[in-house]
Amino acid sequence: MISKAGKALNGHLDHRNPLVFDTHELGRRPGALQRLSRTVDAPGPPAVLGIEGVIGVPEGAPVELDLRLESVMEGVLVTGTARASAEGECVRCLEPLRQEVAADFQEMFSYPDADDRSRSSKAEPADDAEDDEDRLFIEDGLFDLEPVLRDAVVLALPMQPVCRESCAGLCSECGIRLDENPDHHHDAVDIRWAALQGLADTVQDGEKDNMGGAEAGVDEKQEK
């Protein structure tokens, strides 16, 4: 598995990618601010904005981004909000649903040459390696927002989406939608009474057979 740091440092970010942002305007001046608004198309696999098979932002759907870029000593602190429409299926009635999602996020994108200065001289090499797995870096003044956006949207989506909180779901016996049939029900049968009814039916059938045999015997005697 390639770490986030490896992707940023070795991925050769493409400035034409709408989720790649340029920080050159900040000029590495601590305290410098830049605000950006951008509408981008939701990425497709493998960078899906959602929970597979449950709910997510369809590939190519518009995602509105409002960002605040702040220059600090270590890099650029990015704070923002993403807004989009997610589509999925109600877990109760299985009907399609659409839900507006607003995902807030904040992430530090570090300057590669500032990385060594920020580390403690007492830190163990193993600790540094673990830290790098979770860090994002700026490459040639560019950073890729895609992994941050993906994580933020997934966390903002419901794990069990419903079309509405009052959704009654489906009948467990026949699958009919209960919201459209509020009076729908099945007569409950006590299995104990069902067993007795079955026994009674068996006895009645036996009695009928016996009576039929007796009548046949009488007819035979009359014929003689």
C-alpha atoms as a PDB file:
ATOM      1  CA  MET A   1       0.000   0.000   0.000  1.00  0.00           C
ATOM      2  CA  ILE A   2       1.298   3.446  -0.944  1.00  0.00           C
ATOM      3  CA  SER A   3       1.182   5.980   1.872  1.00  0.00           C
ATOM      4  CA  LYS A   4      -0.493   9.346   1.483  1.00  0.00           C
ATOM      5  CA  ALA A   5       2.946  10.937   1.641  1.00  0.00           C
ATOM      6  CA  GLY A   6       4.213   8.693  -1.135  1.00  0.00           C
ATOM      7  CA  LYS A   7       1.268   9.577  -3.338  1.00  0.00           C
ATOM      8  CA  ALA A   8       1.814  13.279  -2.829  1.00  0.00           C
ATOM      9  CA  LEU A   9       5.570  13.225  -3.322  1.00  0.00           C
ATOM     10  CA  ASN A  10       5.759  10.740  -6.174  1.00  0.00           C
ATOM     11  CA  GLY A  11       2.397  11.173  -7.901  1.00  0.00           C
ATOM     12  CA  HIS A  12       3.387  14.268  -9.971  1.00  0.00           C
ATOM     13  CA  LEU A  13       0.230  16.220  -9.325  1.00  0.00           C
ATOM     14  CA  ASP A  14      -1.573  17.576 -12.379  1.00  0.00           C
ATOM     15  CA  HIS A  15      -2.619  21.213 -11.989  1.00  0.00           C
ATOM     16  CA  ARG A  16      -5.437  20.572 -14.492  1.00  0.00           C
ATOM     17  CA  ASN A  17      -7.124  18.230 -12.032  1.00  0.00           C
ATOM     18  CA  PRO A  18      -9.976  20.247 -10.426  1.00  0.00           C
ATOM     19  CA  LEU A  19      -9.183  18.724  -7.024  1.00  0.00           C
ATOM     20  CA  VAL A  20      -5.551  19.872  -7.194  1.00  0.00           C
ATOM     21  CA  PHE A  21      -4.988  23.365  -5.764  1.00  0.00           C
ATOM     22  CA  ASP A  22      -2.131  25.830  -6.192  1.00  0.00           C
ATOM     23  CA  THR A  23      -0.609  27.497  -3.113  1.00  0.00           C
ATOM     24  CA  HIS A  24       1.933  29.716  -4.856  1.00  0.00           C
ATOM     25  CA  GLU A  25      -0.181  32.810  -4.242  1.00  0.00           C
ATOM     26  CA  LEU A  26       0.331  32.372  -0.490  1.00  0.00           C
ATOM     27  CA  GLY A  27       4.068  32.725  -1.023  1.00  0.00           C
ATOM     28  CA  ARG A  28       4.966  30.674   2.091  1.00  0.00           C
ATOM     29  CA  ARG A  29       4.227  33.714   4.227  1.00  0.00           C
ATOM     30  CA  PRO A  30       2.908  32.577   7.623  1.00  0.00           C
ATOM     31  CA  GLY A  31      -0.479  34.156   8.222  1.00  0.00           C
ATOM     32  CA  ALA A  32      -1.296  34.667   4.539  1.00  0.00           C
ATOM     33  CA  LEU A  33      -4.872  33.680   3.660  1.00  0.00           C
ATOM     34  CA  GLN A  34      -6.647  32.689   0.489  1.00  0.00           C
ATOM     35  CA  ARG A  35     -10.351  31.862   0.046  1.00  0.00           C
ATOM     36  CA  LEU A  36     -11.529  29.740  -2.861  1.00  0.00           C
ATOM     37  CA  SER A  37     -14.882  28.549  -4.169  1.00  0.00           C
ATOM     38  CA  ARG A  38     -14.999  25.871  -6.816  1.00  0.00           C
ATOM     39  CA  THR A  39     -17.542  23.419  -8.230  1.00  0.00           C
ATOM     40  CA  VAL A  40     -16.056  20.097  -9.299  1.00  0.00           C
ATOM     41  CA  ASP A  41     -17.369  16.804 -10.633  1.00  0.00           C
ATOM     42  CA  ALA A  42     -17.511  13.984  -8.109  1.00  0.00           C
ATOM     43  CA  PRO A  43     -14.718  11.504  -8.840  1.00  0.00           C
ATOM     44  CA  GLY A  44     -15.423   7.921  -9.803  1.00  0.00           C
ATOM     45  CA  PRO A  45     -13.825   4.648  -8.675  1.00  0.00           C
ATOM     46  CA  PRO A  46     -11.641   4.086  -6.802  1.00  0.00           C
ATOM     47  CA  ALA A  47     -12.153   7.530  -5.233  1.00  0.00           C
ATOM     48  CA  VAL A  48     -15.891   7.111  -4.674  1.00  0.00           C
ATOM     49  CA  LEU A  49     -17.548   9.753  -2.490  1.00  0.00           C
ATOM     50  CA  GLY A  50     -19.744   7.457  -0.452  1.00  0.00           C
ATOM     51  CA  ILE A  51     -20.408   4.072   1.052  1.00  0.00           C
ATOM     52  CA  GLU A  52     -20.489   1.425  -1.671  1.00  0.00           C
ATOM     53  CA  GLY A  53     -23.875  -0.221  -2.066  1.00  0.00           C
ATOM     54  CA  VAL A  54     -25.493   2.089   0.502  1.00  0.00           C
ATOM     55  CA  ILE A  55     -25.333   5.791  -0.393  1.00  0.00           C
ATOM     56  CA  GLY A  56     -22.956   8.129  -2.176  1.00  0.00           C
ATOM     57  CA  VAL A  57     -22.455  11.078  -4.508  1.00  0.00           C
ATOM     58  CA  PRO A  58     -22.793   9.776  -8.092  1.00  0.00           C
ATOM     59  CA  GLU A  59     -19.750  10.019 -10.321  1.00  0.00           C
ATOM     60  CA  GLY A  60     -19.816  13.314 -12.220  1.00  0.00           C
ATOM     61  CA  ALA A  61     -22.360  14.971  -9.900  1.00  0.00           C
ATOM     62  CA  PRO A  62     -21.509  18.571  -8.910  1.00  0.00           C
ATOM     63  CA  VAL A  63     -19.686  19.120  -5.616  1.00  0.00           C
ATOM     64  CA  GLU A  64     -19.478  22.687  -4.315  1.00  0.00           C
ATOM     65  CA  LEU A  65     -16.279  23.498  -2.412  1.00  0.00           C
ATOM     66  CA  ASP A  66     -15.677  26.493  -0.167  1.00  0.00           C
ATOM     67  CA  LEU A  67     -12.059  26.570   1.025  1.00  0.00           C
ATOM     68  CA  ARG A  68      -9.877  28.653   3.308  1.00  0.00           C
ATOM     69  CA  LEU A  69      -6.124  28.257   2.786  1.00  0.00           C
ATOM     70  CA  GLU A  70      -3.883  29.553   5.550  1.00  0.00           C
ATOM     71  CA  SER A  71      -0.108  29.579   5.340  1.00  0.00           C
ATOM     72  CA  VAL A  72       1.719  28.396   8.464  1.00  0.00           C
ATOM     73  CA  MET A  73       5.332  27.535   9.204  1.00  0.00           C
ATOM     74  CA  GLU A  74       4.930  23.835   8.425  1.00  0.00           C
ATOM     75  CA  GLY A  75       2.761  24.160   5.341  1.00  0.00           C
ATOM     76  CA  VAL A  76      -0.801  25.130   4.404  1.00  0.00           C
ATOM     77  CA  LEU A  77      -3.793  24.556   6.658  1.00  0.00           C
ATOM     78  CA  VAL A  78      -6.882  23.880   4.553  1.00  0.00           C
ATOM     79  CA  THR A  79     -10.333  24.335   6.085  1.00  0.00           C
ATOM     80  CA  GLY A  80     -13.456  23.855   4.025  1.00  0.00           C
ATOM     81  CA  THR A  81     -16.946  22.574   3.361  1.00  0.00           C
ATOM     82  CA  ALA A  82     -18.163  20.338   0.552  1.00  0.00           C
ATOM     83  CA  ARG A  83     -21.827  20.268  -0.486  1.00  0.00           C
ATOM     84  CA  ALA A  84     -23.415  17.724  -2.805  1.00  0.00           C
ATOM     85  CA  SER A  85     -26.470  15.513  -3.360  1.00  0.00           C
ATOM     86  CA  ALA A  86     -26.062  11.869  -2.409  1.00  0.00           C
ATOM     87  CA  GLU A  87     -28.201   9.041  -3.771  1.00  0.00           C
ATOM     88  CA  GLY A  88     -28.949   5.706  -2.213  1.00  0.00           C
ATOM     89  CA  GLU A  89     -31.646   3.325  -1.027  1.00  0.00           C
ATOM     90  CA  CYS A  90     -33.787   3.431   2.099  1.00  0.00           C
ATOM     91  CA  VAL A  91     -32.762   0.577   4.380  1.00  0.00           C
ATOM     92  CA  ARG A  92     -36.379   0.131   5.541  1.00  0.00           C
ATOM     93  CA  CYS A  93     -38.512   0.256   2.397  1.00  0.00           C
ATOM     94  CA  LEU A  94     -35.744  -0.119  -0.245  1.00  0.00           C
ATOM     95  CA  GLU A  95     -37.043   2.903  -2.184  1.00  0.00           C
ATOM     96  CA  PRO A  96     -34.505   5.229  -3.912  1.00  0.00           C
ATOM     97  CA  LEU A  97     -33.635   8.373  -1.962  1.00  0.00           C
ATOM     98  CA  ARG A  98     -31.707  11.598  -2.423  1.00  0.00           C
ATOM     99  CA  GLN A  99     -30.069  13.448   0.447  1.00  0.00           C
ATOM    100  CA  GLU A 100     -28.185  16.728   0.615  1.00  0.00           C
ATOM    101  CA  VAL A 101     -24.829  16.368   2.369  1.00  0.00           C
ATOM    102  CA  ALA A 102     -22.529  19.031   3.805  1.00  0.00           C
ATOM    103  CA  ALA A 103     -19.114  17.778   4.895  1.00  0.00           C
ATOM    104  CA  ASP A 104     -16.715  19.942   6.910  1.00  0.00           C
ATOM    105  CA  PHE A 105     -12.998  19.187   6.970  1.00  0.00           C
ATOM    106  CA  GLN A 106      -9.632  20.563   8.009  1.00  0.00           C
ATOM    107  CA  GLU A 107      -6.259  19.213   6.942  1.00  0.00           C
ATOM    108  CA  MET A 108      -2.629  20.252   7.127  1.00  0.00           C
ATOM    109  CA  PHE A 109      -0.606  19.909   3.924  1.00  0.00           C
ATOM    110  CA  SER A 110       3.068  20.001   4.883  1.00  0.00           C
ATOM    111  CA  TYR A 111       6.042  21.392   2.997  1.00  0.00           C
ATOM    112  CA  PRO A 112       8.443  18.475   2.339  1.00  0.00           C
ATOM    113  CA  ASP A 113      11.510  20.565   3.255  1.00  0.00           C
ATOM    114  CA  ALA A 114       9.882  21.686   6.505  1.00  0.00           C
ATOM    115  CA  ASP A 115       9.262  18.098   7.585  1.00  0.00           C
ATOM    116  CA  ASP A 116      12.690  17.450   9.104  1.00  0.00           C
ATOM    117  CA  ARG A 117      12.684  20.731  11.055  1.00  0.00           C
ATOM    118  CA  SER A 118       9.361  19.929  12.690  1.00  0.00           C
ATOM    119  CA  ARG A 119      10.437  16.537  13.999  1.00  0.00           C
ATOM    120  CA  SER A 120      11.720  16.110  17.510  1.00  0.00           C
ATOM    121  CA  SER A 121      15.317  15.036  17.872  1.00  0.00           C
ATOM    122  CA  LYS A 122      14.121  12.398  20.336  1.00  0.00           C
ATOM    123  CA  ALA A 123      11.603  10.826  17.965  1.00  0.00           C
ATOM    124  CA  GLU A 124      12.234   7.232  16.968  1.00  0.00           C
ATOM    125  CA  PRO A 125      12.536   6.377  13.234  1.00  0.00           C
ATOM    126  CA  ALA A 126       9.577   4.015  13.551  1.00  0.00           C
ATOM    127  CA  ASP A 127       7.446   6.840  14.927  1.00  0.00           C
ATOM    128  CA  ASP A 128       8.435   9.063  11.996  1.00  0.00           C
ATOM    129  CA  ALA A 129       7.409   6.359   9.509  1.00  0.00           C
ATOM    130  CA  GLU A 130       4.009   5.996  11.164  1.00  0.00           C
ATOM    131  CA  ASP A 131       3.504   9.764  11.102  1.00  0.00           C
ATOM    132  CA  ASP A 132       4.316   9.935   7.381  1.00  0.00           C
ATOM    133  CA  GLU A 133       1.581   7.372   6.632  1.00  0.00           C
ATOM    134  CA  ASP A 134      -1.044   9.848   7.833  1.00  0.00           C
ATOM    135  CA  ARG A 135       0.487  13.078   6.550  1.00  0.00           C
ATOM    136  CA  LEU A 136      -0.244  14.899   3.326  1.00  0.00           C
ATOM    137  CA  PHE A 137       2.408  16.936   1.545  1.00  0.00           C
ATOM    138  CA  ILE A 138       2.602  19.818  -0.897  1.00  0.00           C
ATOM    139  CA  GLU A 139       4.374  19.010  -4.161  1.00  0.00           C
ATOM    140  CA  ASP A 140       5.753  21.885  -6.215  1.00  0.00           C
ATOM    141  CA  GLY A 141       3.272  24.229  -4.567  1.00  0.00           C
ATOM    142  CA  LEU A 142       0.318  21.934  -5.307  1.00  0.00           C
ATOM    143  CA  PHE A 143      -1.841  19.735  -3.080  1.00  0.00           C
ATOM    144  CA  ASP A 144      -4.486  17.126  -3.878  1.00  0.00           C
ATOM    145  CA  LEU A 145      -7.746  17.519  -1.953  1.00  0.00           C
ATOM    146  CA  GLU A 146      -9.280  14.235  -3.173  1.00  0.00           C
ATOM    147  CA  PRO A 147      -8.368  11.953  -0.200  1.00  0.00           C
ATOM    148  CA  VAL A 148      -9.506  14.598   2.302  1.00  0.00           C
ATOM    149  CA  LEU A 149     -12.770  15.185   0.414  1.00  0.00           C
ATOM    150  CA  ARG A 150     -13.485  11.468   0.158  1.00  0.00           C
ATOM    151  CA  ASP A 151     -12.972  10.847   3.870  1.00  0.00           C
ATOM    152  CA  ALA A 152     -15.050  13.882   4.872  1.00  0.00           C
ATOM    153  CA  VAL A 153     -18.023  12.957   2.686  1.00  0.00           C
ATOM    154  CA  VAL A 154     -18.019   9.334   3.824  1.00  0.00           C
ATOM    155  CA  LEU A 155     -18.056  10.417   7.478  1.00  0.00           C
ATOM    156  CA  ALA A 156     -20.913  12.869   6.811  1.00  0.00           C
ATOM    157  CA  LEU A 157     -23.171  10.239   5.209  1.00  0.00           C
ATOM    158  CA  PRO A 158     -25.540   8.025   7.246  1.00  0.00           C
ATOM    159  CA  MET A 159     -24.579   4.372   7.588  1.00  0.00           C
ATOM    160  CA  GLN A 160     -28.280   3.419   7.426  1.00  0.00           C
ATOM    161  CA  PRO A 161     -30.086   5.988   5.255  1.00  0.00           C
ATOM    162  CA  VAL A 162     -33.877   6.242   5.437  1.00  0.00           C
ATOM    163  CA  CYS A 163     -36.275   8.082   3.135  1.00  0.00           C
ATOM    164  CA  ARG A 164     -37.806   9.641   6.256  1.00  0.00           C
ATOM    165  CA  GLU A 165     -37.581   8.967   9.964  1.00  0.00           C
ATOM    166  CA  SER A 166     -41.184   7.749  10.139  1.00  0.00           C
ATOM    167  CA  CYS A 167     -40.765   5.193   7.337  1.00  0.00           C
ATOM    168  CA  ALA A 168     -42.589   2.022   8.406  1.00  0.00           C
ATOM    169  CA  GLY A 169     -40.621  -0.221   6.056  1.00  0.00           C
ATOM    170  CA  LEU A 170     -41.889  -3.444   4.500  1.00  0.00           C
ATOM    171  CA  CYS A 171     -44.113  -6.216   5.829  1.00  0.00           C
ATOM    172  CA  SER A 172     -41.835  -8.981   7.050  1.00  0.00           C
ATOM    173  CA  GLU A 173     -44.232 -11.647   5.766  1.00  0.00           C
ATOM    174  CA  CYS A 174     -45.254 -10.473   2.296  1.00  0.00           C
ATOM    175  CA  GLY A 175     -42.976  -7.480   1.577  1.00  0.00           C
ATOM    176  CA  ILE A 176     -45.736  -4.947   0.955  1.00  0.00           C
ATOM    177  CA  ARG A 177     -44.835  -1.314   1.685  1.00  0.00           C
ATOM    178  CA  LEU A 178     -46.502  -0.403   4.971  1.00  0.00           C
ATOM    179  CA  ASP A 179     -46.566   3.372   4.412  1.00  0.00           C
ATOM    180  CA  GLU A 180     -48.884   2.846   1.432  1.00  0.00           C
ATOM    181  CA  ASN A 181     -50.994   0.264   3.297  1.00  0.00           C
ATOM    182  CA  PRO A 182     -51.268   1.476   6.905  1.00  0.00           C
ATOM    183  CA  ASP A 183     -54.070  -1.010   7.744  1.00  0.00           C
ATOM    184  CA  HIS A 184     -52.197  -3.992   6.364  1.00  0.00           C
ATOM    185  CA  HIS A 185     -51.789  -6.918   8.763  1.00  0.00           C
ATOM    186  CA  HIS A 186     -51.706 -10.682   8.936  1.00  0.00           C
ATOM    187  CA  ASP A 187     -53.807 -12.654  11.422  1.00  0.00           C
ATOM    188  CA  ALA A 188     -51.494 -14.043  14.028  1.00  0.00           C
ATOM    189  CA  VAL A 189     -51.869 -17.795  14.531  1.00  0.00           C
ATOM    190  CA  ASP A 190     -50.756 -19.429  17.752  1.00  0.00           C
ATOM    191  CA  ILE A 191     -48.767 -22.477  16.735  1.00  0.00           C
ATOM    192  CA  ARG A 192     -50.204 -24.403  19.689  1.00  0.00           C
ATOM    193  CA  TRP A 193     -53.773 -23.894  18.472  1.00  0.00           C
ATOM    194  CA  ALA A 194     -52.670 -24.636  14.926  1.00  0.00           C
ATOM    195  CA  ALA A 195     -51.361 -28.029  16.087  1.00  0.00           C
ATOM    196  CA  LEU A 196     -54.638 -28.810  17.896  1.00  0.00           C
ATOM    197  CA  GLN A 197     -56.634 -27.757  14.847  1.00  0.00           C
ATOM    198  CA  GLY A 198     -54.558 -30.100  12.728  1.00  0.00           C
ATOM    199  CA  LEU A 199     -55.203 -32.954  15.169  1.00  0.00           C
ATOM    200  CA  ALA A 200     -58.946 -32.218  15.153  1.00  0.00           C
ATOM    201  CA  ASP A 201     -59.027 -32.291  11.360  1.00  0.00           C
ATOM    202  CA  THR A 202     -57.242 -35.638  11.389  1.00  0.00           C
ATOM    203  CA  VAL A 203     -59.750 -37.122  13.847  1.00  0.00           C
ATOM    204  CA  GLN A 204     -62.697 -35.849  11.808  1.00  0.00           C
ATOM    205  CA  ASP A 205     -61.238 -37.345   8.644  1.00  0.00           C
ATOM    206  CA  GLY A 206     -60.806 -40.671  10.462  1.00  0.00           C
ATOM    207  CA  GLU A 207     -64.376 -40.657  11.707  1.00  0.00           C
ATOM    208  CA  LYS A 208     -65.679 -39.993   8.209  1.00  0.00           C
ATOM    209  CA  ASP A 209     -63.651 -42.915   6.886  1.00  0.00           C
ATOM    210  CA  ASN A 210     -65.030 -45.208   9.597  1.00  0.00           C
ATOM    211  CA  MET A 211     -68.587 -44.108   8.919  1.00  0.00           C
ATOM    212  CA  GLY A 212     -68.087 -44.711   5.239  1.00  0.00           C
ATOM    213  CA  GLY A 213     -66.870 -48.239   5.983  1.00  0.00           C
ATOM    214  CA  ALA A 214     -69.818 -48.970   8.261  1.00  0.00           C
ATOM    215  CA  GLU A 215     -72.342 -47.796   5.673  1.00  0.00           C
ATOM    216  CA  ALA A 216     -70.710 -49.992   3.081  1.00  0.00           C
ATOM    217  CA  GLY A 217     -71.024 -52.993   5.410  1.00  0.00           C
ATOM    218  CA  VAL A 218     -74.738 -52.346   5.946  1.00  0.00           C
ATOM    219  CA  ASP A 219     -75.348 -52.097   2.240  1.00  0.00           C
ATOM    220  CA  GLU A 220     -73.619 -55.418   1.677  1.00  0.00           C
ATOM    221  CA  LYS A 221     -75.849 -57.143   4.294  1.00  0.00           C
ATOM    222  CA  GLN A 222     -78.974 -55.660   2.744  1.00  0.00           C
ATOM    223  CA  GLU A 223     -77.979 -56.965  -0.654  1.00  0.00           C
ATOM    224  CA  LYS A 224     -77.595 -60.497   0.759  1.00  0.00           C
END
